[in-house]
Protein backbone atom coordinates (compact mmCIF):
# COMPACT_ATOMS: atom_id res chain seq x y z
CA UNK A 1 87.81 102.25 78.85
CA UNK A 2 88.84 99.83 81.59
CA UNK A 3 88.99 100.64 85.30
CA UNK A 4 91.99 100.01 87.53
CA UNK A 5 91.79 100.12 91.32
CA UNK A 6 94.93 100.47 93.45
CA UNK A 7 94.61 99.48 97.12
CA UNK A 8 96.85 101.55 99.37
CA UNK A 9 99.00 104.61 98.68
CA UNK A 10 102.17 102.51 98.54
CA UNK A 11 105.16 103.53 96.46
CA UNK A 12 104.74 100.53 94.13
CA UNK A 13 101.16 101.46 93.25
CA UNK A 14 102.04 105.11 92.68
CA UNK A 15 105.05 104.14 90.56
CA UNK A 16 102.74 101.99 88.45
CA UNK A 17 100.29 104.85 88.01
CA UNK A 18 103.08 107.17 86.88
CA UNK A 19 104.55 104.71 84.37
CA UNK A 20 101.26 103.38 82.99
CA UNK A 21 100.48 104.88 79.59
CA UNK A 22 96.94 103.59 79.14
CA UNK A 23 93.88 105.84 79.17
CA UNK A 24 92.05 103.67 81.69
CA UNK A 25 90.37 105.15 84.74
CA UNK A 26 92.57 104.71 87.82
CA UNK A 27 91.17 104.98 91.33
CA UNK A 28 93.21 104.61 94.53
CA UNK A 29 91.66 103.70 97.90
CA UNK A 30 93.71 104.47 101.01
CA UNK A 31 92.48 103.80 104.55
CA UNK A 32 94.53 106.63 106.13
CA UNK A 33 93.98 110.37 105.84
CA UNK A 34 96.17 112.16 103.32
CA UNK A 35 98.08 114.06 106.00
CA UNK A 36 98.86 110.83 107.90
CA UNK A 37 100.76 109.12 105.10
CA UNK A 38 104.49 108.49 105.02
CA UNK A 39 107.09 107.79 107.66
CA UNK A 40 108.80 110.90 109.07
CA UNK A 41 112.36 109.84 108.30
CA UNK A 42 114.82 109.25 105.47
CA UNK A 43 115.81 105.91 103.96
CA UNK A 44 118.54 104.98 101.50
CA UNK A 45 117.72 104.52 97.81
CA UNK A 46 120.17 103.75 95.01
CA UNK A 47 120.45 106.41 92.30
CA UNK A 48 120.00 103.72 89.65
CA UNK A 49 116.48 102.99 90.90
CA UNK A 50 115.32 106.39 89.63
CA UNK A 51 117.32 106.03 86.42
CA UNK A 52 116.06 102.52 85.64
CA UNK A 53 112.39 103.31 86.34
CA UNK A 54 112.56 106.76 84.71
CA UNK A 55 110.86 108.26 87.75
CA UNK A 56 112.24 111.77 88.29
CA UNK A 57 113.96 112.61 91.55
CA UNK A 58 111.91 114.67 93.99
CA UNK A 59 112.72 118.37 94.01
CA UNK A 60 113.16 118.32 97.77
CA UNK A 61 113.96 115.83 100.50
CA UNK A 62 116.89 114.31 98.58
CA UNK A 63 120.27 114.25 100.32
CA UNK A 64 123.71 112.82 99.67
CA UNK A 65 124.12 109.39 101.19
CA UNK A 66 126.31 109.39 104.28
CA UNK A 67 128.92 106.90 105.40
CA UNK A 68 127.75 104.26 107.83
CA UNK A 69 129.98 102.20 110.10
CA UNK A 70 128.78 98.69 110.90
CA UNK A 71 129.71 97.38 114.35
CA UNK A 72 130.11 93.83 115.60
CA UNK A 73 128.01 92.69 118.61
CA UNK A 74 130.80 93.54 121.06
CA UNK A 75 131.35 96.90 119.31
CA UNK A 76 135.09 96.14 119.14
CA UNK A 77 135.22 96.13 115.33
CA UNK A 78 133.57 98.48 112.87
CA UNK A 79 133.52 98.33 109.08
CA UNK A 80 132.97 101.55 107.10
CA UNK A 81 130.71 101.53 104.07
CA UNK A 82 132.45 101.51 100.69
CA UNK A 83 132.90 104.87 98.95
CA UNK A 84 131.36 103.51 95.73
CA UNK A 85 128.22 102.44 97.59
CA UNK A 86 127.85 105.85 99.21
CA UNK A 87 128.39 107.76 95.97
CA UNK A 88 125.70 105.75 94.16
CA UNK A 89 122.91 106.43 96.61
CA UNK A 90 120.64 109.03 98.19
CA UNK A 91 118.96 109.58 101.50
CA UNK A 92 115.31 110.18 100.59
CA UNK A 93 112.73 111.83 102.84
CA UNK A 94 109.85 109.34 102.67
CA UNK A 95 107.11 111.95 103.09
CA UNK A 96 108.69 114.13 100.40
CA UNK A 97 108.88 111.12 98.06
CA UNK A 98 105.20 110.33 98.57
CA UNK A 99 104.26 113.97 98.01
CA UNK A 100 106.32 113.93 94.82
CA UNK A 101 104.61 110.79 93.50
CA UNK A 102 101.17 112.16 94.34
CA UNK A 103 102.01 115.29 92.36
CA UNK A 104 103.22 113.25 89.39
CA UNK A 105 99.97 111.26 89.12
CA UNK A 106 97.39 113.79 90.32
CA UNK A 107 95.91 114.19 86.84
CA UNK A 108 95.73 110.43 86.22
CA UNK A 109 94.40 109.06 89.52
CA UNK A 110 91.25 109.64 91.56
CA UNK A 111 92.21 109.45 95.24
CA UNK A 112 89.83 108.23 97.93
CA UNK A 113 91.40 108.69 101.35
CA UNK A 114 90.00 107.33 104.62
CA UNK A 115 88.48 104.54 102.54
CA UNK A 116 89.45 101.08 103.78
CA UNK A 117 89.11 98.18 101.36
CA UNK A 118 87.58 95.32 103.34
CA UNK A 119 87.34 92.65 100.69
CA UNK A 120 87.53 91.65 97.05
CA UNK A 121 84.68 90.77 94.70
CA UNK A 122 85.20 87.66 92.58
CA UNK A 123 83.34 85.89 89.80
CA UNK A 124 84.41 82.50 88.42
CA UNK A 125 87.78 82.80 90.16
CA UNK A 126 88.48 86.23 88.73
CA UNK A 127 88.77 89.42 90.80
CA UNK A 128 86.11 91.86 89.63
CA UNK A 129 86.26 94.66 92.18
CA UNK A 130 86.72 95.73 95.79
CA UNK A 131 84.47 96.35 98.76
CA UNK A 132 84.85 99.52 100.78
CA UNK A 133 82.61 98.75 103.69
CA UNK A 134 79.44 97.41 102.05
CA UNK A 135 79.93 99.42 98.84
CA UNK A 136 81.14 97.52 95.77
CA UNK A 137 83.48 99.20 93.28
CA UNK A 138 83.93 97.16 90.13
CA UNK A 139 87.29 97.02 88.36
CA UNK A 140 89.00 95.31 85.46
CA UNK A 141 92.31 95.20 87.35
CA UNK A 142 93.02 95.42 91.09
CA UNK A 143 96.53 96.16 92.40
CA UNK A 144 97.25 95.51 96.07
CA UNK A 145 99.87 97.97 97.37
CA UNK A 146 98.57 97.95 100.94
CA UNK A 147 101.65 96.56 102.67
CA UNK A 148 103.24 93.42 104.07
CA UNK A 149 100.34 92.54 106.35
CA UNK A 150 97.61 92.84 103.73
CA UNK A 151 94.44 91.00 104.72
CA UNK A 152 93.34 90.64 101.11
CA UNK A 153 95.55 87.71 100.12
CA UNK A 154 93.04 85.04 101.15
CA UNK A 155 90.33 86.66 99.06
CA UNK A 156 92.50 85.86 96.04
CA UNK A 157 93.59 82.32 96.90
CA UNK A 158 92.53 80.46 100.03
CA UNK A 159 95.16 77.73 100.11
CA UNK A 160 98.44 79.45 99.29
CA UNK A 161 101.27 78.00 101.34
CA UNK A 162 103.35 81.14 101.65
CA UNK A 163 100.94 84.04 102.19
CA UNK A 164 101.88 84.74 105.80
CA UNK A 165 105.37 85.36 107.19
CA UNK A 166 106.68 82.86 109.71
CA UNK A 167 107.23 84.12 113.25
CA UNK A 168 110.99 84.30 112.68
CA UNK A 169 110.43 86.47 109.61
CA UNK A 170 108.76 89.33 111.46
CA UNK A 171 110.94 92.22 112.62
CA UNK A 172 109.52 94.22 115.51
CA UNK A 173 111.06 97.66 115.63
CA UNK A 174 110.92 100.99 117.43
CA UNK A 175 112.22 104.07 115.64
CA UNK A 176 112.70 107.28 117.58
CA UNK A 177 113.74 110.72 116.39
CA UNK A 178 115.59 112.74 119.04
CA UNK A 179 116.68 116.34 118.86
CA UNK A 180 120.40 116.47 118.03
CA UNK A 181 122.99 118.39 119.97
CA UNK A 182 123.86 121.05 117.39
CA UNK A 183 127.36 121.54 118.80
CA UNK A 184 128.36 117.89 118.40
CA UNK A 185 126.21 116.37 115.65
CA UNK A 186 128.48 117.41 112.76
CA UNK A 187 131.17 115.10 114.17
CA UNK A 188 128.79 112.20 114.76
CA UNK A 189 129.71 108.82 113.28
CA UNK A 190 126.60 107.03 111.98
CA UNK A 191 126.58 103.51 113.36
CA UNK A 192 124.69 100.26 112.68
CA UNK A 193 124.98 97.54 115.32
CA UNK A 194 124.44 93.80 114.79
CA UNK A 195 122.93 91.83 117.69
CA UNK A 196 123.80 94.66 120.03
CA UNK A 197 123.35 94.17 123.81
CA UNK A 198 122.25 90.57 123.36
CA UNK A 199 119.68 91.46 120.69
CA UNK A 200 118.61 89.32 117.76
CA UNK A 201 118.69 91.83 114.89
CA UNK A 202 119.88 95.31 113.90
CA UNK A 203 119.93 98.63 115.70
CA UNK A 204 121.40 101.98 114.72
CA UNK A 205 122.02 105.57 115.67
CA UNK A 206 122.27 108.02 112.77
CA UNK A 207 122.02 111.76 112.33
CA UNK A 208 119.36 112.97 109.93
CA UNK A 209 120.65 114.60 106.72
CA UNK A 210 119.78 118.09 107.96
CA UNK A 211 121.76 117.37 111.19
CA UNK A 212 118.81 118.54 113.29
CA UNK A 213 117.72 115.15 114.64
CA UNK A 214 119.10 111.75 115.62
CA UNK A 215 117.46 108.62 114.21
CA UNK A 216 117.56 105.71 116.66
CA UNK A 217 116.35 102.27 115.57
CA UNK A 218 115.95 99.23 117.83
CA UNK A 219 114.61 95.88 116.61
CA UNK A 220 113.98 92.25 117.43
CA UNK A 221 113.37 89.35 115.07
CA UNK A 222 110.73 86.75 115.89
CA UNK A 223 109.41 88.28 119.12
CA UNK A 224 108.09 91.70 120.18
CA UNK A 225 110.50 94.14 121.80
CA UNK A 226 110.56 94.08 125.58
CA UNK A 227 110.72 97.32 127.59
CA UNK A 228 113.88 96.15 129.38
CA UNK A 229 115.71 95.44 126.11
CA UNK A 230 114.69 98.77 124.57
CA UNK A 231 115.83 100.58 127.71
CA UNK A 232 119.21 98.80 127.69
CA UNK A 233 119.72 99.56 124.00
CA UNK A 234 118.83 103.22 124.36
CA UNK A 235 121.00 103.69 127.44
CA UNK A 236 123.97 102.25 125.58
CA UNK A 237 123.17 104.44 122.55
CA UNK A 238 123.30 107.52 124.76
CA UNK A 239 126.63 106.41 126.21
CA UNK A 240 128.15 105.87 122.75
CA UNK A 241 126.60 108.80 120.87
CA UNK A 242 127.17 112.21 122.43
CA UNK A 243 125.02 113.97 119.82
CA UNK A 244 121.87 112.38 121.25
CA UNK A 245 119.77 114.63 123.43
CA UNK A 246 116.94 113.49 125.69
CA UNK A 247 114.32 115.40 123.68
CA UNK A 248 112.06 113.01 121.75
CA UNK A 249 110.60 114.43 118.53
CA UNK A 250 108.67 111.36 117.45
CA UNK A 251 108.49 107.64 118.26
CA UNK A 252 106.90 104.90 116.16
CA UNK A 253 106.63 101.15 116.56
CA UNK A 254 106.27 99.00 113.44
CA UNK A 255 106.37 95.45 112.17
CA UNK A 256 108.28 94.47 109.03
CA UNK A 257 108.24 91.18 107.13
CA UNK A 258 111.77 90.06 106.25
CA UNK A 259 111.40 87.17 103.82
CA UNK A 260 111.48 86.07 100.20
CA UNK A 261 108.90 87.30 97.67
CA UNK A 262 105.62 85.44 97.28
CA UNK A 263 105.79 82.43 94.98
CA UNK A 264 102.81 83.87 93.09
CA UNK A 265 101.84 87.54 93.16
CA UNK A 266 99.62 87.71 90.05
CA UNK A 267 96.17 86.26 89.37
CA UNK A 268 93.42 86.95 86.87
CA UNK A 269 92.85 90.73 86.97
CA UNK A 270 94.89 91.07 90.16
CA UNK A 271 98.49 91.83 91.13
CA UNK A 272 100.44 92.40 94.34
CA UNK A 273 103.15 95.04 94.26
CA UNK A 274 105.77 96.19 96.78
CA UNK A 275 105.55 95.09 100.41
CA UNK A 276 102.27 93.19 99.85
CA UNK A 277 104.31 90.72 97.72
CA UNK A 278 107.22 90.77 100.22
CA UNK A 279 109.55 92.68 97.91
CA UNK A 280 111.54 94.33 100.70
CA UNK A 281 115.23 93.70 101.23
CA UNK A 282 115.14 90.79 103.73
CA UNK A 283 118.35 91.94 105.43
CA UNK A 284 117.47 95.55 106.29
CA UNK A 285 113.74 95.80 105.55
CA UNK A 286 114.08 98.61 102.99
CA UNK A 287 111.53 98.37 100.20
CA UNK A 288 111.39 101.73 98.41
CA UNK A 289 113.45 100.95 95.34
CA UNK A 290 112.10 97.42 94.89
CA UNK A 291 108.55 98.78 95.01
CA UNK A 292 109.48 101.42 92.45
CA UNK A 293 110.94 98.76 90.17
CA UNK A 294 107.95 96.46 90.59
CA UNK A 295 105.45 99.20 89.77
CA UNK A 296 107.45 100.20 86.71
CA UNK A 297 107.75 96.59 85.49
CA UNK A 298 104.01 96.01 85.89
CA UNK A 299 103.27 99.18 83.93
CA UNK A 300 105.72 98.22 81.18
CA UNK A 301 104.05 94.82 80.77
CA UNK A 302 100.60 96.39 80.46
CA UNK A 303 101.86 99.18 78.21
CA UNK A 304 103.13 96.50 75.86
CA UNK A 305 99.89 94.52 75.95
CA UNK A 306 96.63 95.85 77.40
CA UNK A 307 95.59 92.51 78.87
CA UNK A 308 94.78 91.88 82.53
CA UNK A 309 94.70 88.08 82.26
CA UNK A 310 96.83 85.88 84.50
CA UNK A 311 98.79 84.75 81.46
CA UNK A 312 99.88 88.30 80.62
CA UNK A 313 100.37 89.45 84.22
CA UNK A 314 102.68 86.47 84.71
CA UNK A 315 105.19 88.35 82.54
CA UNK A 316 105.40 90.95 85.32
CA UNK A 317 106.29 88.28 87.89
CA UNK A 318 108.89 86.71 85.59
CA UNK A 319 110.57 90.04 84.85
CA UNK A 320 110.63 90.99 88.53
CA UNK A 321 112.09 87.64 89.60
CA UNK A 322 114.78 87.87 86.93
CA UNK A 323 115.80 91.43 87.73
CA UNK A 324 115.20 91.72 91.50
CA UNK A 325 113.49 88.77 93.15
CA UNK A 326 116.27 86.22 92.57
CA UNK A 327 118.69 88.46 94.49
CA UNK A 328 116.19 88.85 97.33
CA UNK A 329 115.85 85.10 97.84
CA UNK A 330 119.64 84.74 98.05
CA UNK A 331 119.76 87.55 100.62
CA UNK A 332 116.99 85.85 102.59
CA UNK A 333 119.10 82.69 102.96
CA UNK A 334 122.04 84.79 104.20
CA UNK A 335 119.80 86.71 106.61
CA UNK A 336 118.43 83.53 108.18
CA UNK A 337 121.95 82.32 108.89
CA UNK A 338 123.21 85.61 110.35
CA UNK A 339 120.24 85.94 112.70
CA UNK A 340 120.96 82.43 114.05
CA UNK A 341 124.72 82.79 114.53
CA UNK A 342 125.81 83.48 118.10
CA UNK A 343 127.27 86.98 118.74
CA UNK A 344 130.75 85.63 119.55
CA UNK A 345 130.98 84.05 116.08
CA UNK A 346 129.85 87.28 114.43
CA UNK A 347 132.60 89.09 116.37
CA UNK A 348 135.15 86.65 114.93
CA UNK A 349 133.78 87.12 111.41
CA UNK A 350 134.04 90.90 111.74
CA UNK A 351 137.54 90.67 113.11
CA UNK A 352 138.94 88.30 110.48
CA UNK A 353 136.73 87.89 107.43
CA UNK A 354 134.15 90.58 106.81
CA UNK A 355 135.22 93.71 104.97
CA UNK A 356 133.38 96.51 103.19
CA UNK A 357 133.15 94.49 99.95
CA UNK A 358 131.59 91.50 101.73
CA UNK A 359 129.09 93.74 103.56
CA UNK A 360 128.11 95.49 100.31
CA UNK A 361 127.57 92.18 98.52
CA UNK A 362 125.51 90.41 101.18
CA UNK A 363 123.47 93.48 102.14
CA UNK A 364 122.34 93.88 98.54
CA UNK A 365 123.89 97.32 98.10
CA UNK A 366 126.23 95.96 95.42
CA UNK A 367 125.40 93.64 92.52
CA UNK A 368 129.06 93.24 91.60
CA UNK A 369 130.34 89.66 92.11
CA UNK A 370 132.92 89.16 94.82
CA UNK A 371 136.55 89.43 93.71
CA UNK A 372 137.82 85.82 93.33
CA UNK A 373 141.06 86.68 95.16
CA UNK A 374 139.11 88.20 98.04
CA UNK A 375 136.87 85.13 98.16
CA UNK A 376 139.87 82.76 98.13
CA UNK A 377 141.55 84.69 100.94
CA UNK A 378 138.40 84.45 103.02
CA UNK A 379 138.10 80.71 102.39
CA UNK A 380 141.66 80.17 103.61
CA UNK A 381 140.95 82.21 106.73
CA UNK A 382 137.75 80.27 107.34
CA UNK A 383 139.72 77.06 107.78
CA UNK A 384 140.92 78.48 111.11
CA UNK A 385 137.44 77.79 112.44
CA UNK A 386 136.64 74.14 111.82
CA UNK A 387 133.28 74.59 113.52
CA UNK A 388 132.19 77.68 111.60
CA UNK A 389 133.67 77.04 108.14
CA UNK A 390 131.14 74.32 107.12
CA UNK A 391 128.28 76.64 108.08
CA UNK A 392 129.69 79.47 105.94
CA UNK A 393 130.24 77.24 102.93
CA UNK A 394 126.74 75.82 103.32
CA UNK A 395 125.06 79.24 103.45
CA UNK A 396 126.94 80.45 100.37
CA UNK A 397 125.90 77.28 98.53
CA UNK A 398 122.28 77.58 99.66
CA UNK A 399 122.13 81.24 98.64
CA UNK A 400 123.33 80.30 95.16
CA UNK A 401 120.78 77.46 95.02
CA UNK A 402 118.00 79.78 96.14
CA UNK A 403 118.80 82.24 93.39
CA UNK A 404 118.80 79.39 90.87
CA UNK A 405 115.38 78.21 92.06
CA UNK A 406 114.00 81.71 91.60
CA UNK A 407 115.48 82.01 88.09
CA UNK A 408 113.88 78.70 87.07
CA UNK A 409 110.46 80.38 87.10
CA UNK A 410 108.52 79.29 83.98
CA UNK A 411 108.74 81.96 81.28
CA UNK A 412 105.06 81.47 80.39
CA UNK A 413 102.11 80.71 82.60
CA UNK A 414 101.41 77.01 82.26
CA UNK A 415 99.50 75.81 85.37
CA UNK A 416 101.29 72.48 85.88
CA UNK A 417 104.76 73.93 85.39
CA UNK A 418 103.98 76.91 87.61
CA UNK A 419 102.56 74.72 90.39
CA UNK A 420 105.67 72.52 90.27
CA UNK A 421 107.97 75.55 90.40
CA UNK A 422 106.01 77.10 93.29
CA UNK A 423 106.22 73.88 95.30
CA UNK A 424 109.97 73.61 94.85
CA UNK A 425 110.48 77.32 95.52
CA UNK A 426 108.46 77.22 98.74
CA UNK A 427 109.90 73.92 99.96
CA UNK A 428 113.44 75.18 99.56
CA UNK A 429 112.96 78.69 100.92
CA UNK A 430 110.27 78.23 103.52
CA UNK A 431 110.90 74.70 104.78
CA UNK A 432 114.68 74.55 104.33
CA UNK A 433 114.49 71.46 102.09
C-alpha cells in the first residue's frame, strides 16, 4: 500500500481524495485549525462543474445564482448578466462546501490540523516526503493544495522561471460583510464595478443569498490598497447602495494571484493542484470549480494507472491544459489588456461595444464561441476609434495565440520537447514575446 500526502485543505486536494479509487493511505496536513478553515462568503460555481466531476452538491449552502449588473468606470452604463449564465450556476457557501467535502472523504483521509508543512524531502530528484517542523513523513506521492503563495515550489525545482507571480499579477483585496437593511435589501441590484473611483481592478456590492448581509469587495492590482482609496470606494458604495448598513459583520484582507497556470505542475511523485498551480480564473480570481476539475482529473489519471512517475503524472497536466488551462491563458491575455486600458476607453467600450454576450465570453462564464454576426458588428463599430481598434484586434489575436500555445503541450513527457514548450509558453505569456 502506497502513501499519499496532501498539503493544505484546499478544494482541489479534497476533490482528488473523493475521486481517487485506490486503497492507498491518504494523509492531509493543514496548518490552520479545523474551525478556522473556509472563507465566510459565497462564490459562484457553474452547475456543470459538479456534473463533470461527479462530486455531489452540498446539502446546504447552495443558492440560485443571482443577476449581476456590471458597471463602467463612470457608472453611466451597466450590463446585466445573461439569463443563460445565471440559470447554469450556483452561489456556494465556501464553508459549507468545505464541510461537505470533509464529510465525503472522512473515511478515506487522516486529517492533521495545525500541522504546517515546512519543507519537502527529496532523494535523487524525487520527492519522498514532507517535513512538519523537524518531523519527516515519508510518502509515495505528495500533492500541494496549499494555495497560490505556496513556499514549497522551490523545494521541487530551484530554477523554474514562472513560480512566482509578477507584481502586476497580484490582486490585493478587502472583503467586508455588512448587515443588510432588511426593509430595502430585497430590491437591491447587485453591482460589479470596473476601475471604480480611479481604481485599477474590480469592486462590487452584492447582497448575500439569504439577504441578511451585504458583501462589499474592493481591490487593487499590482499594489496594496491604500486607506484613502478604500475609504473613497466604501463611501461611494454607501451612496449608491441603500441596503448597506454601517454594521460590520466581518472584514478580511487577502492577496490573490491572477495569472496563467504554471508551465509545469507535475514532477516525480509530486503534483500541484488548484491555486498552488495558479488555476484560478485570472479575470475574477475565482478558483473553486477549476480546483474541483483539477483534483478530479488527477484522480482519474491515477485511477487508470497507479503510477506516481513524472511520465504518468504528465497526463494530468495535459488533460487539464486541454480542458481548462488553455482557456485560462486566453483570459489572462484579455485581463492584462483591460487592467491597462484607461477608464475613459472602458467607458466607450461599455457604451458602444460590450454586451452581455461579450462579457460572458471574456469573463470565462461561457465557453460558447461569439456569434459571427455579433463579432462583425463590433468590428465595424471599432473602426470609429482609430486609436483603440488596433489594440482590440491585437488582444483578440494574442488571446487566440496564447490558447494555441497552451494546446501545443506535448502529449507525452519527453524532456527536450517539454522544455522547448515551457520556454515558448513562458516567453509568450510572461514576457509578452
